[in-house]
PDB file of N, CA and C in Angstrom:
ATOM      1  N   MET A   1      66.370 167.837 153.732  1.00  0.00           N
ATOM      2  CA  MET A   1      66.626 167.770 154.809  1.00  0.00           C
ATOM      3  C   MET A   1      65.585 168.198 155.234  1.00  0.00           C
ATOM      4  N   PRO A   2      65.304 169.615 154.808  1.00  0.00           N
ATOM      5  CA  PRO A   2      64.134 170.955 155.672  1.00  0.00           C
ATOM      6  C   PRO A   2      62.865 169.969 155.578  1.00  0.00           C
ATOM      7  N   ARG A   3      62.212 169.406 154.764  1.00  0.00           N
ATOM      8  CA  ARG A   3      60.898 168.593 154.775  1.00  0.00           C
ATOM      9  C   ARG A   3      61.253 167.503 155.961  1.00  0.00           C
ATOM     10  N   ALA A   4      62.212 166.722 155.943  1.00  0.00           N
ATOM     11  CA  ALA A   4      62.024 165.691 156.779  1.00  0.00           C
ATOM     12  C   ALA A   4      62.209 166.413 158.500  1.00  0.00           C
ATOM     13  N   ALA A   5      63.377 167.292 158.664  1.00  0.00           N
ATOM     14  CA  ALA A   5      62.824 168.410 160.253  1.00  0.00           C
ATOM     15  C   ALA A   5      61.584 168.909 160.245  1.00  0.00           C
ATOM     16  N   ILE A   6      61.323 169.126 159.692  1.00  0.00           N
ATOM     17  CA  ILE A   6      59.806 170.025 159.930  1.00  0.00           C
ATOM     18  C   ILE A   6      58.439 168.460 159.805  1.00  0.00           C
ATOM     19  N   LEU A   7      58.979 167.240 159.185  1.00  0.00           N
ATOM     20  CA  LEU A   7      57.791 166.619 159.237  1.00  0.00           C
ATOM     21  C   LEU A   7      58.034 165.643 161.131  1.00  0.00           C
ATOM     22  N   LEU A   8      59.148 165.537 160.823  1.00  0.00           N
ATOM     23  CA  LEU A   8      59.399 165.110 162.360  1.00  0.00           C
ATOM     24  C   LEU A   8      59.238 165.752 163.466  1.00  0.00           C
ATOM     25  N   ALA A   9      59.223 166.963 163.328  1.00  0.00           N
ATOM     26  CA  ALA A   9      58.790 167.971 164.480  1.00  0.00           C
ATOM     27  C   ALA A   9      57.065 167.840 164.487  1.00  0.00           C
ATOM     28  N   THR A  10      56.427 167.926 163.542  1.00  0.00           N
ATOM     29  CA  THR A  10      55.123 167.929 163.146  1.00  0.00           C
ATOM     30  C   THR A  10      54.719 166.370 164.272  1.00  0.00           C
ATOM     31  N   PHE A  11      55.557 165.587 163.919  1.00  0.00           N
ATOM     32  CA  PHE A  11      55.110 164.290 164.529  1.00  0.00           C
ATOM     33  C   PHE A  11      55.150 164.293 165.982  1.00  0.00           C
ATOM     34  N   LEU A  12      56.312 164.852 166.550  1.00  0.00           N
ATOM     35  CA  LEU A  12      56.292 165.076 168.037  1.00  0.00           C
ATOM     36  C   LEU A  12      55.474 165.535 168.353  1.00  0.00           C
ATOM     37  N   ILE A  13      55.248 166.984 167.839  1.00  0.00           N
ATOM     38  CA  ILE A  13      53.805 167.486 168.503  1.00  0.00           C
ATOM     39  C   ILE A  13      53.195 167.048 168.595  1.00  0.00           C
ATOM     40  N   LEU A  14      52.518 166.239 167.580  1.00  0.00           N
ATOM     41  CA  LEU A  14      50.851 165.621 167.649  1.00  0.00           C
ATOM     42  C   LEU A  14      51.161 164.412 167.954  1.00  0.00           C
ATOM     43  N   VAL A  15      51.918 163.856 168.084  1.00  0.00           N
ATOM     44  CA  VAL A  15      51.947 162.629 169.177  1.00  0.00           C
ATOM     45  C   VAL A  15      50.725 162.564 170.329  1.00  0.00           C
ATOM     46  N   GLY A  16      49.994 161.503 170.493  1.00  0.00           N
ATOM     47  CA  GLY A  16      49.042 162.047 171.563  1.00  0.00           C
ATOM     48  C   GLY A  16      47.998 162.597 171.407  1.00  0.00           C
ATOM     49  N   CYS A  17      47.767 163.277 170.343  1.00  0.00           N
ATOM     50  CA  CYS A  17      46.052 164.028 170.149  1.00  0.00           C
ATOM     51  C   CYS A  17      45.424 163.885 169.376  1.00  0.00           C
ATOM     52  N   SER A  18      44.938 162.874 169.378  1.00  0.00           N
ATOM     53  CA  SER A  18      43.812 162.416 168.799  1.00  0.00           C
ATOM     54  C   SER A  18      42.696 162.770 168.796  1.00  0.00           C
ATOM     55  N   GLN A  19      42.035 162.351 167.803  1.00  0.00           N
ATOM     56  CA  GLN A  19      40.282 163.102 167.637  1.00  0.00           C
ATOM     57  C   GLN A  19      39.373 162.041 168.901  1.00  0.00           C
ATOM     58  N   GLU A  20      39.623 161.158 169.229  1.00  0.00           N
ATOM     59  CA  GLU A  20      39.136 160.212 170.380  1.00  0.00           C
ATOM     60  C   GLU A  20      39.694 160.483 171.633  1.00  0.00           C
ATOM     61  N   GLU A  21      40.613 161.017 171.960  1.00  0.00           N
ATOM     62  CA  GLU A  21      41.088 161.439 172.761  1.00  0.00           C
ATOM     63  C   GLU A  21      40.617 162.840 173.547  1.00  0.00           C
ATOM     64  N   ALA A  22      40.808 163.976 171.987  1.00  0.00           N
ATOM     65  CA  ALA A  22      39.943 164.709 172.451  1.00  0.00           C
ATOM     66  C   ALA A  22      38.437 164.997 173.059  1.00  0.00           C
ATOM     67  N   ILE A  23      37.222 164.081 172.050  1.00  0.00           N
ATOM     68  CA  ILE A  23      36.387 163.682 172.339  1.00  0.00           C
ATOM     69  C   ILE A  23      36.109 163.294 173.787  1.00  0.00           C
ATOM     70  N   GLU A  24      36.925 162.420 174.098  1.00  0.00           N
ATOM     71  CA  GLU A  24      37.016 161.542 175.794  1.00  0.00           C
ATOM     72  C   GLU A  24      37.098 162.819 176.994  1.00  0.00           C
ATOM     73  N   ARG A  25      38.270 163.813 176.542  1.00  0.00           N
ATOM     74  CA  ARG A  25      38.406 164.888 177.920  1.00  0.00           C
ATOM     75  C   ARG A  25      36.989 165.587 177.628  1.00  0.00           C
ATOM     76  N   LEU A  26      37.069 165.965 176.574  1.00  0.00           N
ATOM     77  CA  LEU A  26      35.495 166.885 176.632  1.00  0.00           C
ATOM     78  C   LEU A  26      34.477 166.134 177.231  1.00  0.00           C
ATOM     79  N   LYS A  27      34.327 165.060 176.906  1.00  0.00           N
ATOM     80  CA  LYS A  27      33.043 164.160 177.536  1.00  0.00           C
ATOM     81  C   LYS A  27      33.038 163.964 179.531  1.00  0.00           C
ATOM     82  N   ARG A  28      34.186 164.381 179.653  1.00  0.00           N
ATOM     83  CA  ARG A  28      34.660 164.170 181.074  1.00  0.00           C
ATOM     84  C   ARG A  28      34.282 165.132 181.879  1.00  0.00           C
ATOM     85  N   ASP A  29      34.418 167.036 180.687  1.00  0.00           N
ATOM     86  CA  ASP A  29      34.673 168.364 181.667  1.00  0.00           C
ATOM     87  C   ASP A  29      33.173 168.737 181.163  1.00  0.00           C
ATOM     88  N   LEU A  30      32.389 168.179 180.261  1.00  0.00           N
ATOM     89  CA  LEU A  30      31.059 168.929 179.719  1.00  0.00           C
ATOM     90  C   LEU A  30      29.900 167.648 179.681  1.00  0.00           C
ATOM     91  N   PRO A  31      28.966 168.199 180.937  1.00  0.00           N
ATOM     92  CA  PRO A  31      27.683 167.538 180.823  1.00  0.00           C
ATOM     93  C   PRO A  31      26.765 167.862 179.672  1.00  0.00           C
ATOM     94  N   VAL A  32      26.920 166.861 178.668  1.00  0.00           N
ATOM     95  CA  VAL A  32      26.028 167.437 177.153  1.00  0.00           C
ATOM     96  C   VAL A  32      25.759 166.189 176.672  1.00  0.00           C
ATOM     97  N   ASP A  33      24.300 166.234 175.596  1.00  0.00           N
ATOM     98  CA  ASP A  33      24.316 165.032 175.294  1.00  0.00           C
ATOM     99  C   ASP A  33      24.976 164.293 174.062  1.00  0.00           C
ATOM    100  N   SER A  34      25.824 165.385 173.815  1.00  0.00           N
ATOM    101  CA  SER A  34      26.616 165.065 172.392  1.00  0.00           C
ATOM    102  C   SER A  34      27.378 166.329 172.196  1.00  0.00           C
ATOM    103  N   ILE A  35      28.365 165.221 171.473  1.00  0.00           N
ATOM    104  CA  ILE A  35      29.760 166.169 171.453  1.00  0.00           C
ATOM    105  C   ILE A  35      30.460 165.581 169.749  1.00  0.00           C
ATOM    106  N   GLU A  36      30.442 166.411 169.233  1.00  0.00           N
ATOM    107  CA  GLU A  36      31.576 165.749 167.783  1.00  0.00           C
ATOM    108  C   GLU A  36      32.266 166.889 167.207  1.00  0.00           C
ATOM    109  N   ILE A  37      33.320 166.212 166.611  1.00  0.00           N
ATOM    110  CA  ILE A  37      34.525 166.932 165.653  1.00  0.00           C
ATOM    111  C   ILE A  37      33.889 167.220 164.772  1.00  0.00           C
ATOM    112  N   ILE A  38      34.070 168.678 164.772  1.00  0.00           N
ATOM    113  CA  ILE A  38      33.553 169.376 162.997  1.00  0.00           C
ATOM    114  C   ILE A  38      34.986 169.405 162.421  1.00  0.00           C
ATOM    115  N   HIS A  39      36.018 169.703 162.545  1.00  0.00           N
ATOM    116  CA  HIS A  39      37.045 169.767 161.539  1.00  0.00           C
ATOM    117  C   HIS A  39      38.099 170.509 162.720  1.00  0.00           C
ATOM    118  N   ALA A  40      39.512 170.276 162.169  1.00  0.00           N
ATOM    119  CA  ALA A  40      40.959 170.568 162.698  1.00  0.00           C
ATOM    120  C   ALA A  40      41.391 171.893 162.458  1.00  0.00           C
ATOM    121  N   ARG A  41      41.964 172.037 163.576  1.00  0.00           N
ATOM    122  CA  ARG A  41      42.234 173.512 163.681  1.00  0.00           C
ATOM    123  C   ARG A  41      43.601 173.715 163.541  1.00  0.00           C
ATOM    124  N   PHE A  42      44.635 174.545 162.800  1.00  0.00           N
ATOM    125  CA  PHE A  42      45.829 175.544 162.507  1.00  0.00           C
ATOM    126  C   PHE A  42      45.980 176.324 162.559  1.00  0.00           C
ATOM    127  N   PRO A  43      46.567 177.348 163.357  1.00  0.00           N
ATOM    128  CA  PRO A  43      46.441 176.895 164.749  1.00  0.00           C
ATOM    129  C   PRO A  43      45.229 176.921 165.662  1.00  0.00           C
ATOM    130  N   CYS A  44      45.341 176.146 166.683  1.00  0.00           N
ATOM    131  CA  CYS A  44      44.156 176.082 167.832  1.00  0.00           C
ATOM    132  C   CYS A  44      44.140 177.354 168.262  1.00  0.00           C
ATOM    133  N   ARG A  45      42.322 177.855 168.189  1.00  0.00           N
ATOM    134  CA  ARG A  45      42.136 179.083 168.723  1.00  0.00           C
ATOM    135  C   ARG A  45      42.522 178.669 170.288  1.00  0.00           C
ATOM    136  N   SER A  46      43.106 179.392 171.488  1.00  0.00           N
ATOM    137  CA  SER A  46      42.427 179.256 173.018  1.00  0.00           C
ATOM    138  C   SER A  46      43.851 180.226 173.305  1.00  0.00           C
ATOM    139  N   PRO A  47      43.918 180.342 174.614  1.00  0.00           N
ATOM    140  CA  PRO A  47      44.250 181.622 175.122  1.00  0.00           C
ATOM    141  C   PRO A  47      45.557 181.632 174.593  1.00  0.00           C
ATOM    142  N   GLU A  48      46.780 180.810 175.154  1.00  0.00           N
ATOM    143  CA  GLU A  48      47.947 180.459 174.609  1.00  0.00           C
ATOM    144  C   GLU A  48      48.186 179.760 172.932  1.00  0.00           C
ATOM    145  N   MET A  49      47.093 180.103 172.225  1.00  0.00           N
ATOM    146  CA  MET A  49      47.487 179.738 170.768  1.00  0.00           C
ATOM    147  C   MET A  49      48.404 178.204 170.741  1.00  0.00           C
ATOM    148  N   HIS A  50      48.002 177.443 170.775  1.00  0.00           N
ATOM    149  CA  HIS A  50      48.713 176.205 170.857  1.00  0.00           C
ATOM    150  C   HIS A  50      48.267 176.029 169.341  1.00  0.00           C
ATOM    151  N   PHE A  51      49.040 174.924 168.540  1.00  0.00           N
ATOM    152  CA  PHE A  51      49.468 174.697 167.451  1.00  0.00           C
ATOM    153  C   PHE A  51      48.597 174.020 167.056  1.00  0.00           C
ATOM    154  N   PHE A  52      47.961 173.165 167.339  1.00  0.00           N
ATOM    155  CA  PHE A  52      46.681 171.837 167.236  1.00  0.00           C
ATOM    156  C   PHE A  52      45.661 171.674 168.344  1.00  0.00           C
ATOM    157  N   GLY A  53      44.818 171.575 167.610  1.00  0.00           N
ATOM    158  CA  GLY A  53      43.515 171.708 167.533  1.00  0.00           C
ATOM    159  C   GLY A  53      42.473 170.888 167.277  1.00  0.00           C
ATOM    160  N   TYR A  54      40.921 170.855 167.606  1.00  0.00           N
ATOM    161  CA  TYR A  54      39.844 170.855 166.685  1.00  0.00           C
ATOM    162  C   TYR A  54      38.599 171.631 167.594  1.00  0.00           C
ATOM    163  N   ARG A  55      37.883 172.139 166.663  1.00  0.00           N
ATOM    164  CA  ARG A  55      36.408 172.713 166.733  1.00  0.00           C
ATOM    165  C   ARG A  55      35.518 171.302 167.204  1.00  0.00           C
ATOM    166  N   PHE A  56      34.833 171.705 168.272  1.00  0.00           N
ATOM    167  CA  PHE A  56      33.702 170.506 168.061  1.00  0.00           C
ATOM    168  C   PHE A  56      32.327 171.261 168.662  1.00  0.00           C
ATOM    169  N   ARG A  57      31.465 170.782 168.127  1.00  0.00           N
ATOM    170  CA  ARG A  57      29.960 171.131 168.236  1.00  0.00           C
ATOM    171  C   ARG A  57      29.494 170.042 169.493  1.00  0.00           C
ATOM    172  N   ALA A  58      29.050 170.645 170.894  1.00  0.00           N
ATOM    173  CA  ALA A  58      28.227 170.401 171.912  1.00  0.00           C
ATOM    174  C   ALA A  58      27.043 170.688 171.936  1.00  0.00           C
ATOM    175  N   ARG A  59      26.025 169.556 172.140  1.00  0.00           N
ATOM    176  CA  ARG A  59      24.305 169.873 172.072  1.00  0.00           C
ATOM    177  C   ARG A  59      24.014 169.258 173.210  1.00  0.00           C
ATOM    178  N   SER A  60      22.915 169.525 173.816  1.00  0.00           N
ATOM    179  CA  SER A  60      22.584 169.813 175.175  1.00  0.00           C
ATOM    180  C   SER A  60      20.935 169.999 175.000  1.00  0.00           C
ATOM    181  N   LYS A  61      19.797 169.301 175.084  1.00  0.00           N
ATOM    182  CA  LYS A  61      18.945 169.798 175.482  1.00  0.00           C
ATOM    183  C   LYS A  61      18.396 170.535 174.518  1.00  0.00           C
ATOM    184  N   GLY A  62      18.641 169.539 172.910  1.00  0.00           N
ATOM    185  CA  GLY A  62      18.234 170.295 171.279  1.00  0.00           C
ATOM    186  C   GLY A  62      19.169 171.677 171.235  1.00  0.00           C
ATOM    187  N   VAL A  63      20.083 172.620 172.093  1.00  0.00           N
ATOM    188  CA  VAL A  63      20.639 173.586 171.991  1.00  0.00           C
ATOM    189  C   VAL A  63      22.068 173.086 171.883  1.00  0.00           C
ATOM    190  N   LEU A  64      22.741 174.164 170.865  1.00  0.00           N
ATOM    191  CA  LEU A  64      24.433 173.574 170.495  1.00  0.00           C
ATOM    192  C   LEU A  64      25.184 174.954 170.377  1.00  0.00           C
ATOM    193  N   ALA A  65      26.845 174.173 170.668  1.00  0.00           N
ATOM    194  CA  ALA A  65      27.539 175.612 171.140  1.00  0.00           C
ATOM    195  C   ALA A  65      28.528 174.700 170.343  1.00  0.00           C
ATOM    196  N   LEU A  66      29.471 176.005 169.946  1.00  0.00           N
ATOM    197  CA  LEU A  66      30.782 175.419 169.509  1.00  0.00           C
ATOM    198  C   LEU A  66      32.116 176.236 170.184  1.00  0.00           C
ATOM    199  N   GLY A  67      32.727 174.962 169.940  1.00  0.00           N
ATOM    200  CA  GLY A  67      34.328 174.981 171.065  1.00  0.00           C
ATOM    201  C   GLY A  67      35.722 175.107 170.365  1.00  0.00           C
ATOM    202  N   ASP A  68      36.174 175.081 170.664  1.00  0.00           N
ATOM    203  CA  ASP A  68      37.869 174.342 170.373  1.00  0.00           C
ATOM    204  C   ASP A  68      39.033 174.104 171.777  1.00  0.00           C
ATOM    205  N   ILE A  69      39.185 172.480 171.040  1.00  0.00           N
ATOM    206  CA  ILE A  69      40.043 172.157 172.122  1.00  0.00           C
ATOM    207  C   ILE A  69      41.139 171.676 171.334  1.00  0.00           C
ATOM    208  N   CYS A  70      42.418 172.235 172.131  1.00  0.00           N
ATOM    209  CA  CYS A  70      43.380 172.534 171.710  1.00  0.00           C
ATOM    210  C   CYS A  70      44.864 171.475 172.738  1.00  0.00           C
ATOM    211  N   TRP A  71      45.532 170.956 171.829  1.00  0.00           N
ATOM    212  CA  TRP A  71      46.682 170.466 172.457  1.00  0.00           C
ATOM    213  C   TRP A  71      47.540 171.209 172.782  1.00  0.00           C
ATOM    214  N   ASN A  72      48.171 171.136 173.947  1.00  0.00           N
ATOM    215  CA  ASN A  72      49.266 171.914 174.346  1.00  0.00           C
ATOM    216  C   ASN A  72      50.583 170.492 174.435  1.00  0.00           C
ATOM    217  N   SER A  73      50.956 171.074 173.995  1.00  0.00           N
ATOM    218  CA  SER A  73      52.648 169.549 173.642  1.00  0.00           C
ATOM    219  C   SER A  73      53.468 170.317 174.783  1.00  0.00           C
ATOM    220  N   LEU A  74      53.459 171.384 175.233  1.00  0.00           N
ATOM    221  CA  LEU A  74      54.504 171.051 176.651  1.00  0.00           C
ATOM    222  C   LEU A  74      54.077 170.685 177.885  1.00  0.00           C
ATOM    223  N   THR A  75      52.902 170.431 177.681  1.00  0.00           N
ATOM    224  CA  THR A  75      52.109 170.087 179.472  1.00  0.00           C
ATOM    225  C   THR A  75      51.421 168.426 178.817  1.00  0.00           C
ATOM    226  N   ARG A  76      51.690 168.138 177.902  1.00  0.00           N
ATOM    227  CA  ARG A  76      50.518 166.917 177.146  1.00  0.00           C
ATOM    228  C   ARG A  76      49.601 166.694 177.565  1.00  0.00           C
ATOM    229  N   GLU A  77      48.804 168.008 177.879  1.00  0.00           N
ATOM    230  CA  GLU A  77      47.169 167.867 177.914  1.00  0.00           C
ATOM    231  C   GLU A  77      46.425 168.638 176.912  1.00  0.00           C
ATOM    232  N   TRP A  78      44.998 168.515 177.028  1.00  0.00           N
ATOM    233  CA  TRP A  78      44.121 169.002 176.376  1.00  0.00           C
ATOM    234  C   TRP A  78      43.241 170.338 176.909  1.00  0.00           C
ATOM    235  N   THR A  79      43.399 171.497 176.438  1.00  0.00           N
ATOM    236  CA  THR A  79      42.324 172.350 176.762  1.00  0.00           C
ATOM    237  C   THR A  79      41.461 173.214 175.909  1.00  0.00           C
ATOM    238  N   TRP A  80      40.677 173.039 176.323  1.00  0.00           N
ATOM    239  CA  TRP A  80      39.566 173.776 175.647  1.00  0.00           C
ATOM    240  C   TRP A  80      38.755 174.791 176.084  1.00  0.00           C
ATOM    241  N   GLN A  81      37.993 175.716 175.451  1.00  0.00           N
ATOM    242  CA  GLN A  81      36.958 176.339 175.092  1.00  0.00           C
ATOM    243  C   GLN A  81      35.974 176.952 174.432  1.00  0.00           C
ATOM    244  N   ILE A  82      34.949 177.322 175.348  1.00  0.00           N
ATOM    245  CA  ILE A  82      33.712 177.297 174.495  1.00  0.00           C
ATOM    246  C   ILE A  82      33.636 178.801 174.049  1.00  0.00           C
ATOM    247  N   LEU A  83      33.507 179.193 172.492  1.00  0.00           N
ATOM    248  CA  LEU A  83      33.622 180.238 171.849  1.00  0.00           C
ATOM    249  C   LEU A  83      32.649 181.174 172.579  1.00  0.00           C
ATOM    250  N   PRO A  84      33.603 182.419 172.564  1.00  0.00           N
ATOM    251  CA  PRO A  84      32.522 183.573 172.867  1.00  0.00           C
ATOM    252  C   PRO A  84      30.840 183.891 172.473  1.00  0.00           C
ATOM    253  N   GLU A  85      30.360 183.333 172.076  1.00  0.00           N
ATOM    254  CA  GLU A  85      29.325 183.912 171.698  1.00  0.00           C
ATOM    255  C   GLU A  85      28.208 182.314 171.949  1.00  0.00           C
ATOM    256  N   TYR A  86      28.785 181.650 172.450  1.00  0.00           N
ATOM    257  CA  TYR A  86      28.063 180.554 173.195  1.00  0.00           C
ATOM    258  C   TYR A  86      28.257 180.258 174.616  1.00  0.00           C
ATOM    259  N   GLU A  87      28.938 181.815 175.321  1.00  0.00           N
ATOM    260  CA  GLU A  87      29.512 181.192 176.534  1.00  0.00           C
ATOM    261  C   GLU A  87      28.220 181.099 177.557  1.00  0.00           C
ATOM    262  N   GLN A  88      27.407 181.551 177.421  1.00  0.00           N
ATOM    263  CA  GLN A  88      25.750 182.022 178.204  1.00  0.00           C
ATOM    264  C   GLN A  88      25.279 180.371 178.183  1.00  0.00           C
ATOM    265  N   TRP A  89      24.952 179.820 176.966  1.00  0.00           N
ATOM    266  CA  TRP A  89      24.693 178.493 177.012  1.00  0.00           C
ATOM    267  C   TRP A  89      25.074 177.894 178.193  1.00  0.00           C
ATOM    268  N   PHE A  90      27.070 177.483 177.839  1.00  0.00           N
ATOM    269  CA  PHE A  90      27.573 176.926 178.686  1.00  0.00           C
ATOM    270  C   PHE A  90      27.339 177.235 179.992  1.00  0.00           C
ATOM    271  N   LEU A  91      27.186 178.382 180.473  1.00  0.00           N
ATOM    272  CA  LEU A  91      26.775 178.708 181.865  1.00  0.00           C
ATOM    273  C   LEU A  91      25.406 178.128 181.975  1.00  0.00           C
ATOM    274  N   ASN A  92      24.833 177.925 181.070  1.00  0.00           N
ATOM    275  CA  ASN A  92      23.362 177.297 181.632  1.00  0.00           C
ATOM    276  C   ASN A  92      23.323 176.109 181.805  1.00  0.00           C
ATOM    277  N   ILE A  93      24.307 175.407 181.075  1.00  0.00           N
ATOM    278  CA  ILE A  93      23.987 173.737 181.436  1.00  0.00           C
ATOM    279  C   ILE A  93      25.124 173.019 182.408  1.00  0.00           C
ATOM    280  N   ARG A  94      25.443 174.357 183.128  1.00  0.00           N
ATOM    281  CA  ARG A  94      26.347 173.691 184.558  1.00  0.00           C
ATOM    282  C   ARG A  94      25.508 173.869 185.553  1.00  0.00           C
ATOM    283  N   LYS A  95      24.465 174.894 185.442  1.00  0.00           N
ATOM    284  CA  LYS A  95      23.596 174.856 186.695  1.00  0.00           C
ATOM    285  C   LYS A  95      22.742 173.692 187.110  1.00  0.00           C
TER     286      LYS A  95
END
């Protein structure tokens, strides 16, 4: 019974958080040449420590940056951040 409860809870948390939806959100928010998902993150590194997300790579003008996009199951929205070591890159592409 505990295994079934864990699987049900995991399913309910992950409903609506596919790679495709994460990429679409990033494409709307980031003006870059390409975005790709590198791997899943458990737990996802975000300011709120969400349970699930992806590490992504964004490339613009030959320069790349890494970030995390996380699924917030309470608000049912994606939140993302560029990793601290790439923040300068992110500021430069927004100009």
